[in-house]
Amino acid sequence: MKLLILVALLGLASAAVYQHSLTKIESKRTKMIKAGTWPAYRKYKDFLRLAKSPLNLKSVAQNVNDYEDVEYIGNITIGTPDQTFLVILDTGSANLWVPDTSCGNGSSVCASYCSDADFCEFLCDPSCCSFKSKAAIKPAPKASACANKHKFDSTKSSTYVKNGQSWTIQYGTGSANGFLGQDTVRFGDAGGDQLVVPTTVFGQATTIAAFFAQDPIDGILGLAFQSLAVDNIPPPLVNAISQGLLDQPLFTVYLQEKGNIDNVRGGVYTYGGLDSTHCDSSVTYVPLSSATYFQFRMDSIGIGSYSSSQGWDVISDTGTSFIGGPQEITDALANAVGAQYNDQYGTYFIDCNANIGQTKISIGGKQYAIDAKQVLVDAGNGQCEFAFFPFNSGGFGPSWILGDPWIRQYCNVFGLGQKNIGFAKVIA
């Protein structure tokens, strides 16, 4: 009996709560809007989507995500000793991948549309984008999209276990593919108080989309449910829960409101417990309608004189910087505050000094309010964006995406164990 009690106590001692600091960056989307290149990028991205045949669409194993508007990123390490990577901590996907040392080596598989110089600039691996000039002088090949990334070197890790299975993940802006490996993954900076997760299977990318080339991120760490993962690979946090490494099977996200500032502290993820420093102790939970994404029901949404109470499935997504929904409703919300949709940019522009009031959302019979400062976003050149965008789910999955404006206003508690999600007021 004493031995059993001792084992139980040791098990409790090994479980804990860990905090993971974030960095806020200016999104690629915002940079391109300010530079005036966003309309061309949208056109080329739409072309890529339309170019996919039904056969190709059937082979896509992961729901499509676009990462051009990501604003919050964090460090992880993989291997022994630690190899550091800067990743998107994404509640809208469920796989971890980082570039392998072989990423960008060898020849690239170049799609037919890469022969168009303009399309290639946005949609293809840079190694596919070397064209003959009018003088028939062939320029030097461009560097691979992997060129400036941190790359995982399995030969330098004493805890690495070879797997070798191939994988592919398709995104709206291209794909990433490579092979699987197994090693120790640590959430947080090397040398800090890290959540250490042994025997974690992850993707070692040998090619990544050109879209990732100019971003500071190395890879993506998905935090959603295993049912969403490509090849049903256990996500690292699910693996941590299975190994009993956390006090509770949940994590809390606090995103800091910083305005138009780049490369600063941007918030905290708390794994295994609640964030009592930044979030109110009163948490309201609602059940998930689908344990794939963190999907739940939203009763209504409104601003100013407009409100709609049709009821929808929605997701909370840390990888989206705006709020997306059916266009007839986002148009009506924009009209209520005097914002105008710009089809070329695919966004709503509004006077930065507009007095728009709060956005009201009802979930589980409780009303939540999003302050104006969260949905008025500086777009440069004296313009602001109204932080909503038209989102078409095609009849599959959620109708709305509640992105960063929502999560900055309310801490989100993601319940992997109870399959629920909770909301608490931000207090710091």
Protein backbone atom coordinates (compact mmCIF):
# COMPACT_ATOMS: atom_id res chain seq x y z
CA MET A 1 0.00 0.00 0.00
CA LYS A 2 2.81 2.43 0.89
CA LEU A 3 4.47 1.70 -2.43
CA LEU A 4 1.24 2.46 -4.32
CA ILE A 5 0.83 5.76 -2.46
CA LEU A 6 4.44 6.71 -3.21
CA VAL A 7 3.99 5.93 -6.91
CA ALA A 8 0.81 8.02 -6.97
CA LEU A 9 2.56 10.96 -5.31
CA LEU A 10 5.45 10.75 -7.74
CA GLY A 11 2.94 10.81 -10.60
CA LEU A 12 1.31 13.94 -9.19
CA ALA A 13 4.68 15.60 -8.73
CA SER A 14 5.56 15.03 -12.37
CA ALA A 15 2.46 16.83 -13.64
CA ALA A 16 2.65 20.60 -13.75
CA VAL A 17 1.60 23.89 -15.36
CA TYR A 18 3.87 25.58 -17.92
CA GLN A 19 3.81 29.02 -19.51
CA HIS A 20 4.98 29.78 -23.03
CA SER A 21 5.68 33.39 -24.00
CA LEU A 22 4.68 34.73 -27.42
CA THR A 23 6.09 37.37 -29.72
CA LYS A 24 3.79 39.67 -31.70
CA ILE A 25 4.84 40.38 -35.28
CA GLU A 26 3.39 42.37 -38.13
CA SER A 27 1.58 39.89 -40.35
CA LYS A 28 2.59 39.24 -43.93
CA ARG A 29 -0.87 40.36 -44.99
CA THR A 30 -0.47 43.76 -43.28
CA LYS A 31 2.98 44.24 -44.78
CA MET A 32 1.67 43.47 -48.28
CA ILE A 33 -1.31 45.81 -47.90
CA LYS A 34 1.04 48.62 -46.88
CA ALA A 35 3.33 47.80 -49.83
CA GLY A 36 0.41 47.63 -52.27
CA THR A 37 1.15 44.03 -53.33
CA TRP A 38 -1.77 42.36 -51.55
CA PRO A 39 -4.26 42.53 -54.50
CA ALA A 40 -1.84 40.69 -56.79
CA TYR A 41 -1.14 38.10 -54.13
CA ARG A 42 -4.87 37.46 -53.63
CA LYS A 43 -5.34 36.98 -57.36
CA TYR A 44 -2.54 34.45 -57.60
CA LYS A 45 -3.72 32.58 -54.51
CA ASP A 46 -7.25 32.33 -55.93
CA PHE A 47 -5.76 31.02 -59.16
CA LEU A 48 -3.93 28.30 -57.28
CA ARG A 49 -7.09 27.18 -55.54
CA LEU A 50 -9.08 27.10 -58.78
CA ALA A 51 -6.27 25.23 -60.54
CA LYS A 52 -6.62 22.23 -58.23
CA SER A 53 -8.51 19.38 -59.87
CA PRO A 54 -11.17 17.40 -57.97
CA LEU A 55 -8.68 14.54 -57.84
CA ASN A 56 -6.17 16.75 -56.06
CA LEU A 57 -8.80 18.03 -53.67
CA LYS A 58 -9.70 14.47 -52.67
CA SER A 59 -6.07 13.86 -51.71
CA VAL A 60 -5.92 16.81 -49.34
CA ALA A 61 -5.74 15.33 -45.86
CA GLN A 62 -5.93 18.53 -43.82
CA ASN A 63 -8.48 21.31 -43.81
CA VAL A 64 -6.96 24.29 -45.62
CA ASN A 65 -5.39 27.03 -43.50
CA ASP A 66 -3.89 30.30 -44.67
CA TYR A 67 -1.17 31.83 -42.51
CA GLU A 68 -0.63 35.21 -44.16
CA ASP A 69 -2.34 37.02 -41.27
CA VAL A 70 -0.56 35.34 -38.36
CA GLU A 71 0.60 37.82 -35.70
CA TYR A 72 1.60 35.71 -32.69
CA ILE A 73 4.48 33.20 -32.67
CA GLY A 74 6.62 31.35 -30.13
CA ASN A 75 9.77 29.25 -29.67
CA ILE A 76 10.01 25.50 -29.23
CA THR A 77 12.99 23.18 -29.21
CA ILE A 78 13.41 19.68 -30.59
CA GLY A 79 16.09 17.07 -29.88
CA THR A 80 18.88 16.56 -27.37
CA PRO A 81 20.60 18.98 -27.06
CA ASP A 82 17.92 21.54 -27.93
CA GLN A 83 17.52 22.82 -31.49
CA THR A 84 15.37 25.97 -31.48
CA PHE A 85 12.53 26.78 -33.90
CA LEU A 86 10.13 29.72 -34.19
CA VAL A 87 6.64 28.39 -34.88
CA ILE A 88 3.01 29.36 -35.23
CA LEU A 89 1.11 28.03 -32.20
CA ASP A 90 -2.06 27.15 -34.05
CA THR A 91 -5.38 26.01 -32.57
CA GLY A 92 -6.70 25.56 -36.12
CA SER A 93 -4.44 22.62 -37.06
CA ALA A 94 -3.01 19.53 -35.36
CA ASN A 95 0.44 18.68 -36.78
CA LEU A 96 3.96 19.80 -35.86
CA TRP A 97 6.50 20.25 -38.60
CA VAL A 98 9.80 22.09 -39.03
CA PRO A 99 12.31 22.17 -41.91
CA ASP A 100 14.79 19.30 -42.11
CA THR A 101 18.45 19.87 -42.99
CA SER A 102 17.62 18.43 -46.42
CA CYS A 103 14.94 21.07 -47.02
CA GLY A 104 15.59 22.81 -50.32
CA ASN A 105 18.23 20.33 -51.48
CA GLY A 106 17.84 18.64 -54.83
CA SER A 107 15.37 19.49 -57.56
CA SER A 108 11.92 20.90 -56.83
CA VAL A 109 8.71 19.60 -58.35
CA CYS A 110 7.50 22.66 -60.22
CA ALA A 111 3.83 22.96 -61.19
CA SER A 112 2.94 24.08 -64.71
CA TYR A 113 1.78 27.51 -63.57
CA CYS A 114 5.29 28.19 -62.20
CA SER A 115 6.31 28.95 -65.77
CA ASP A 116 4.47 32.27 -65.36
CA ALA A 117 6.90 34.68 -63.71
CA ASP A 118 4.19 36.52 -61.76
CA PHE A 119 2.48 33.38 -60.47
CA CYS A 120 5.81 31.86 -59.55
CA GLU A 121 6.74 34.82 -57.37
CA PHE A 122 3.87 34.13 -55.00
CA LEU A 123 2.95 30.48 -55.38
CA CYS A 124 6.01 28.38 -56.16
CA ASP A 125 9.25 27.35 -54.53
CA PRO A 126 11.80 30.07 -55.43
CA SER A 127 13.98 27.40 -57.06
CA CYS A 128 11.23 27.07 -59.70
CA CYS A 129 11.36 30.77 -60.54
CA SER A 130 14.54 31.19 -62.60
CA PHE A 131 13.66 32.51 -66.04
CA LYS A 132 15.67 33.39 -69.11
CA SER A 133 15.98 37.08 -69.75
CA LYS A 134 15.38 38.65 -73.14
CA ALA A 135 19.12 38.49 -73.67
CA ALA A 136 18.93 34.73 -73.12
CA ILE A 137 21.13 35.04 -70.06
CA LYS A 138 19.99 32.63 -67.40
CA PRO A 139 20.09 34.23 -63.95
CA ALA A 140 21.38 32.37 -60.94
CA PRO A 141 18.72 30.17 -59.30
CA LYS A 142 16.87 31.76 -56.44
CA ALA A 143 17.34 30.34 -52.98
CA SER A 144 14.87 27.76 -51.72
CA ALA A 145 12.04 28.83 -49.41
CA CYS A 146 13.97 26.90 -46.74
CA ALA A 147 17.13 28.97 -47.18
CA ASN A 148 16.82 31.21 -44.12
CA LYS A 149 15.04 28.79 -41.83
CA HIS A 150 16.32 26.94 -38.79
CA LYS A 151 16.59 23.30 -39.86
CA PHE A 152 16.42 20.17 -37.75
CA ASP A 153 19.54 17.99 -37.86
CA SER A 154 18.68 14.50 -36.64
CA THR A 155 22.36 13.49 -36.58
CA LYS A 156 22.94 15.98 -33.74
CA SER A 157 20.21 14.61 -31.47
CA SER A 158 20.86 11.69 -29.13
CA THR A 159 17.11 11.13 -28.59
CA TYR A 160 16.07 11.01 -32.26
CA VAL A 161 14.29 7.90 -33.57
CA LYS A 162 13.90 7.43 -37.30
CA ASN A 163 10.40 6.91 -38.69
CA GLY A 164 10.66 7.69 -42.39
CA GLN A 165 6.96 7.73 -43.31
CA SER A 166 6.18 10.44 -45.86
CA TRP A 167 3.63 13.21 -45.20
CA THR A 168 2.04 16.12 -47.04
CA ILE A 169 -0.05 19.02 -45.72
CA GLN A 170 -1.91 21.29 -48.14
CA TYR A 171 -2.58 24.93 -47.33
CA GLY A 172 -4.40 27.63 -49.25
CA THR A 173 -1.05 29.11 -50.18
CA GLY A 174 0.83 25.94 -51.10
CA SER A 175 2.00 22.84 -49.30
CA ALA A 176 4.65 21.39 -47.02
CA ASN A 177 5.89 17.83 -47.29
CA GLY A 178 8.66 15.55 -46.12
CA PHE A 179 9.03 12.59 -43.76
CA LEU A 180 8.27 11.81 -40.11
CA GLY A 181 10.67 11.47 -37.22
CA GLN A 182 10.41 11.07 -33.44
CA ASP A 183 12.19 13.07 -30.76
CA THR A 184 11.77 15.11 -27.60
CA VAL A 185 9.79 18.33 -28.16
CA ARG A 186 9.96 21.17 -25.65
CA PHE A 187 7.47 24.06 -25.47
CA GLY A 188 9.27 27.34 -24.73
CA ASP A 189 12.78 28.78 -24.96
CA ALA A 190 15.88 26.69 -24.35
CA GLY A 191 17.09 27.12 -20.79
CA GLY A 192 13.67 28.19 -19.51
CA ASP A 193 10.92 26.32 -17.69
CA GLN A 194 9.88 24.12 -20.61
CA LEU A 195 7.13 21.56 -21.07
CA VAL A 196 9.22 18.54 -22.14
CA VAL A 197 7.37 15.94 -24.24
CA PRO A 198 9.46 12.83 -25.08
CA THR A 199 8.68 10.45 -27.97
CA THR A 200 6.82 13.00 -30.07
CA VAL A 201 6.29 12.29 -33.77
CA PHE A 202 6.74 15.36 -35.99
CA GLY A 203 7.21 16.29 -39.62
CA GLN A 204 10.65 17.00 -41.09
CA ALA A 205 9.93 19.13 -44.13
CA THR A 206 12.01 18.65 -47.25
CA THR A 207 10.02 21.25 -49.24
CA ILE A 208 7.82 24.13 -48.10
CA ALA A 209 5.68 26.61 -50.01
CA ALA A 210 7.27 29.83 -51.26
CA PHE A 211 4.74 31.65 -49.09
CA PHE A 212 6.83 30.79 -46.00
CA ALA A 213 10.08 32.13 -47.49
CA GLN A 214 9.84 35.73 -46.28
CA ASP A 215 8.27 34.96 -42.90
CA PRO A 216 10.26 34.66 -39.66
CA ILE A 217 8.52 31.38 -38.82
CA ASP A 218 10.24 28.04 -39.26
CA GLY A 219 7.21 25.79 -38.93
CA ILE A 220 3.80 25.16 -37.40
CA LEU A 221 2.78 23.56 -34.11
CA GLY A 222 -0.86 22.45 -34.25
CA LEU A 223 -2.79 22.41 -30.96
CA ALA A 224 -6.16 21.04 -32.12
CA PHE A 225 -7.50 17.51 -31.68
CA GLN A 226 -5.85 14.38 -33.06
CA SER A 227 -8.89 13.77 -35.28
CA LEU A 228 -7.79 16.77 -37.35
CA ALA A 229 -4.19 15.63 -37.73
CA VAL A 230 -2.75 14.39 -41.01
CA ASP A 231 -2.14 10.62 -40.75
CA ASN A 232 -3.79 10.69 -37.28
CA ILE A 233 -0.45 11.59 -35.67
CA PRO A 234 -0.88 12.52 -31.98
CA PRO A 235 -0.32 16.29 -31.64
CA PRO A 236 2.49 17.16 -29.20
CA LEU A 237 0.13 18.57 -26.54
CA VAL A 238 -2.17 15.55 -26.79
CA ASN A 239 0.94 13.42 -26.35
CA ALA A 240 1.89 15.42 -23.25
CA ILE A 241 -1.57 14.83 -21.77
CA SER A 242 -1.37 11.10 -22.55
CA GLN A 243 1.95 10.95 -20.68
CA GLY A 244 0.46 12.68 -17.63
CA LEU A 245 2.73 15.71 -17.90
CA LEU A 246 0.08 18.36 -17.19
CA ASP A 247 -2.09 19.10 -14.15
CA GLN A 248 -5.18 19.45 -16.32
CA PRO A 249 -5.87 18.46 -19.95
CA LEU A 250 -6.32 22.03 -21.14
CA PHE A 251 -4.44 25.19 -22.07
CA THR A 252 -5.20 28.90 -21.74
CA VAL A 253 -4.39 31.56 -24.34
CA TYR A 254 -3.86 35.21 -23.45
CA LEU A 255 -3.02 37.55 -26.32
CA GLN A 256 -1.72 40.97 -25.43
CA GLU A 257 -3.15 44.06 -27.12
CA LYS A 258 -0.17 45.98 -28.51
CA GLY A 259 -1.57 47.98 -31.42
CA ASN A 260 0.64 48.56 -34.45
CA ILE A 261 3.93 47.42 -32.87
CA ASP A 262 6.17 44.72 -34.30
CA ASN A 263 8.42 42.13 -32.65
CA VAL A 264 7.37 42.65 -29.03
CA ARG A 265 6.08 40.39 -26.25
CA GLY A 266 2.61 39.37 -27.35
CA GLY A 267 1.04 37.15 -24.74
CA VAL A 268 1.24 33.77 -23.02
CA TYR A 269 0.05 30.21 -23.54
CA THR A 270 -0.47 28.36 -20.24
CA TYR A 271 -0.43 24.57 -20.57
CA GLY A 272 -2.11 22.45 -17.93
CA GLY A 273 -4.00 25.19 -16.08
CA LEU A 274 -5.56 28.64 -16.01
CA ASP A 275 -3.65 31.91 -16.35
CA SER A 276 -4.43 33.69 -13.08
CA THR A 277 -2.11 36.59 -13.90
CA HIS A 278 -3.82 37.81 -17.06
CA CYS A 279 -7.28 36.23 -16.95
CA ASP A 280 -10.25 36.63 -14.61
CA SER A 281 -10.91 33.64 -12.33
CA SER A 282 -14.52 33.43 -13.54
CA VAL A 283 -14.53 31.18 -16.63
CA THR A 284 -17.68 30.36 -18.60
CA TYR A 285 -17.49 27.04 -20.45
CA VAL A 286 -19.53 25.78 -23.39
CA PRO A 287 -19.39 22.31 -24.97
CA LEU A 288 -17.75 21.81 -28.34
CA SER A 289 -20.01 20.94 -31.26
CA SER A 290 -17.07 19.22 -32.94
CA ALA A 291 -13.81 18.06 -31.33
CA THR A 292 -11.66 18.59 -34.43
CA TYR A 293 -11.07 22.30 -34.38
CA PHE A 294 -12.26 23.96 -31.18
CA GLN A 295 -15.74 24.36 -32.65
CA PHE A 296 -18.81 25.54 -30.73
CA ARG A 297 -22.11 27.34 -31.23
CA MET A 298 -22.53 31.12 -31.46
CA ASP A 299 -26.07 32.42 -31.01
CA SER A 300 -25.81 35.94 -32.40
CA ILE A 301 -23.53 38.79 -33.45
CA GLY A 302 -24.15 42.50 -33.90
CA ILE A 303 -22.76 46.01 -33.88
CA GLY A 304 -24.49 49.38 -33.87
CA SER A 305 -28.02 49.05 -35.26
CA TYR A 306 -27.43 45.64 -36.86
CA SER A 307 -27.73 42.21 -35.29
CA SER A 308 -28.17 38.67 -36.59
CA SER A 309 -29.26 35.69 -34.51
CA GLN A 310 -29.28 32.84 -37.01
CA GLY A 311 -26.97 30.66 -34.89
CA TRP A 312 -23.79 29.12 -36.34
CA ASP A 313 -20.92 26.75 -35.71
CA VAL A 314 -17.78 28.80 -35.04
CA ILE A 315 -14.16 28.14 -34.11
CA SER A 316 -11.70 30.02 -31.96
CA ASP A 317 -8.46 30.23 -33.93
CA THR A 318 -5.16 31.71 -32.78
CA GLY A 319 -3.84 31.53 -36.37
CA THR A 320 -6.31 34.14 -37.71
CA SER A 321 -5.87 37.83 -36.97
CA PHE A 322 -9.42 38.93 -37.93
CA ILE A 323 -12.99 37.60 -37.52
CA GLY A 324 -14.41 35.76 -40.52
CA GLY A 325 -18.03 34.97 -41.32
CA PRO A 326 -20.70 34.72 -44.06
CA GLN A 327 -20.36 37.70 -46.38
CA GLU A 328 -23.97 38.82 -46.16
CA ILE A 329 -23.47 39.25 -42.42
CA THR A 330 -19.97 40.76 -42.48
CA ASP A 331 -21.24 43.20 -45.14
CA ALA A 332 -24.14 44.17 -42.88
CA LEU A 333 -21.83 44.62 -39.87
CA ALA A 334 -19.52 46.79 -41.98
CA ASN A 335 -22.43 48.85 -43.31
CA ALA A 336 -23.63 49.48 -39.75
CA VAL A 337 -20.33 51.22 -38.89
CA GLY A 338 -19.65 52.89 -42.24
CA ALA A 339 -16.91 50.54 -43.44
CA GLN A 340 -16.58 49.91 -47.18
CA TYR A 341 -15.57 46.61 -48.75
CA ASN A 342 -12.69 46.82 -51.21
CA ASP A 343 -12.92 43.89 -53.59
CA GLN A 344 -9.35 44.35 -54.83
CA TYR A 345 -7.93 44.03 -51.31
CA GLY A 346 -10.63 41.71 -49.99
CA THR A 347 -11.06 43.78 -46.83
CA TYR A 348 -13.26 46.44 -45.25
CA PHE A 349 -11.69 49.91 -44.96
CA ILE A 350 -12.95 52.45 -42.43
CA ASP A 351 -12.07 55.88 -41.06
CA CYS A 352 -9.57 55.36 -38.25
CA ASN A 353 -11.48 57.90 -36.12
CA ALA A 354 -14.85 56.20 -36.56
CA ASN A 355 -16.90 55.79 -33.38
CA ILE A 356 -18.19 52.27 -33.89
CA GLY A 357 -19.01 51.06 -30.39
CA GLN A 358 -18.69 47.45 -29.27
CA THR A 359 -19.26 44.27 -31.23
CA LYS A 360 -21.75 42.10 -29.29
CA ILE A 361 -21.55 38.30 -29.49
CA SER A 362 -23.81 35.80 -27.71
CA ILE A 363 -22.49 32.31 -26.86
CA GLY A 364 -24.35 29.80 -24.70
CA GLY A 365 -26.90 32.46 -23.77
CA LYS A 366 -24.24 34.86 -22.46
CA GLN A 367 -23.36 38.12 -24.16
CA TYR A 368 -19.74 39.15 -24.77
CA ALA A 369 -18.48 42.54 -25.99
CA ILE A 370 -15.45 43.25 -28.18
CA ASP A 371 -14.11 46.80 -27.84
CA ALA A 372 -13.65 49.01 -30.89
CA LYS A 373 -9.85 49.09 -30.50
CA GLN A 374 -9.73 45.35 -31.22
CA VAL A 375 -11.47 45.65 -34.61
CA LEU A 376 -9.98 48.91 -35.91
CA VAL A 377 -6.62 47.93 -37.40
CA ASP A 378 -4.08 50.38 -38.82
CA ALA A 379 -3.51 49.52 -42.49
CA GLY A 380 -1.02 52.35 -43.16
CA ASN A 381 -1.41 55.36 -45.42
CA GLY A 382 -4.01 56.86 -43.09
CA GLN A 383 -6.38 53.91 -43.54
CA CYS A 384 -7.81 51.43 -41.06
CA GLU A 385 -9.35 48.03 -41.58
CA PHE A 386 -12.56 46.84 -39.97
CA ALA A 387 -11.29 43.50 -38.66
CA PHE A 388 -13.88 41.24 -40.28
CA PHE A 389 -13.58 39.29 -43.50
CA PRO A 390 -15.96 37.29 -45.70
CA PHE A 391 -15.50 33.59 -45.06
CA ASN A 392 -17.11 30.84 -47.10
CA SER A 393 -16.95 27.39 -45.55
CA GLY A 394 -18.60 25.83 -48.59
CA GLY A 395 -21.15 24.15 -46.35
CA PHE A 396 -18.49 22.14 -44.52
CA GLY A 397 -17.13 22.92 -41.08
CA PRO A 398 -17.59 26.17 -39.16
CA SER A 399 -19.38 29.25 -40.53
CA TRP A 400 -17.35 31.71 -38.46
CA ILE A 401 -13.74 32.07 -37.31
CA LEU A 402 -13.21 34.06 -34.14
CA GLY A 403 -9.61 35.19 -34.42
CA ASP A 404 -7.31 37.49 -32.48
CA PRO A 405 -9.73 40.41 -31.81
CA TRP A 406 -11.88 37.96 -29.85
CA ILE A 407 -8.99 36.28 -28.04
CA ARG A 408 -7.39 39.62 -27.10
CA GLN A 409 -10.65 40.61 -25.39
CA TYR A 410 -11.28 37.26 -23.67
CA CYS A 411 -8.79 34.65 -22.54
CA ASN A 412 -9.73 31.35 -24.19
CA VAL A 413 -9.43 28.08 -22.26
CA PHE A 414 -9.14 25.15 -24.67
CA GLY A 415 -10.38 21.94 -23.05
CA LEU A 416 -8.79 18.96 -24.77
CA GLY A 417 -9.93 16.58 -22.04
CA GLN A 418 -13.50 17.80 -21.44
CA LYS A 419 -14.00 18.75 -25.11
CA ASN A 420 -15.14 22.24 -24.19
CA ILE A 421 -13.96 25.83 -24.42
CA GLY A 422 -14.08 28.55 -21.79
CA PHE A 423 -13.93 32.35 -21.85
CA ALA A 424 -12.67 34.75 -19.18
CA LYS A 425 -12.17 38.52 -19.22
CA VAL A 426 -8.61 39.73 -19.77
CA ILE A 427 -7.50 41.55 -16.62
CA ALA A 428 -3.87 42.49 -17.40
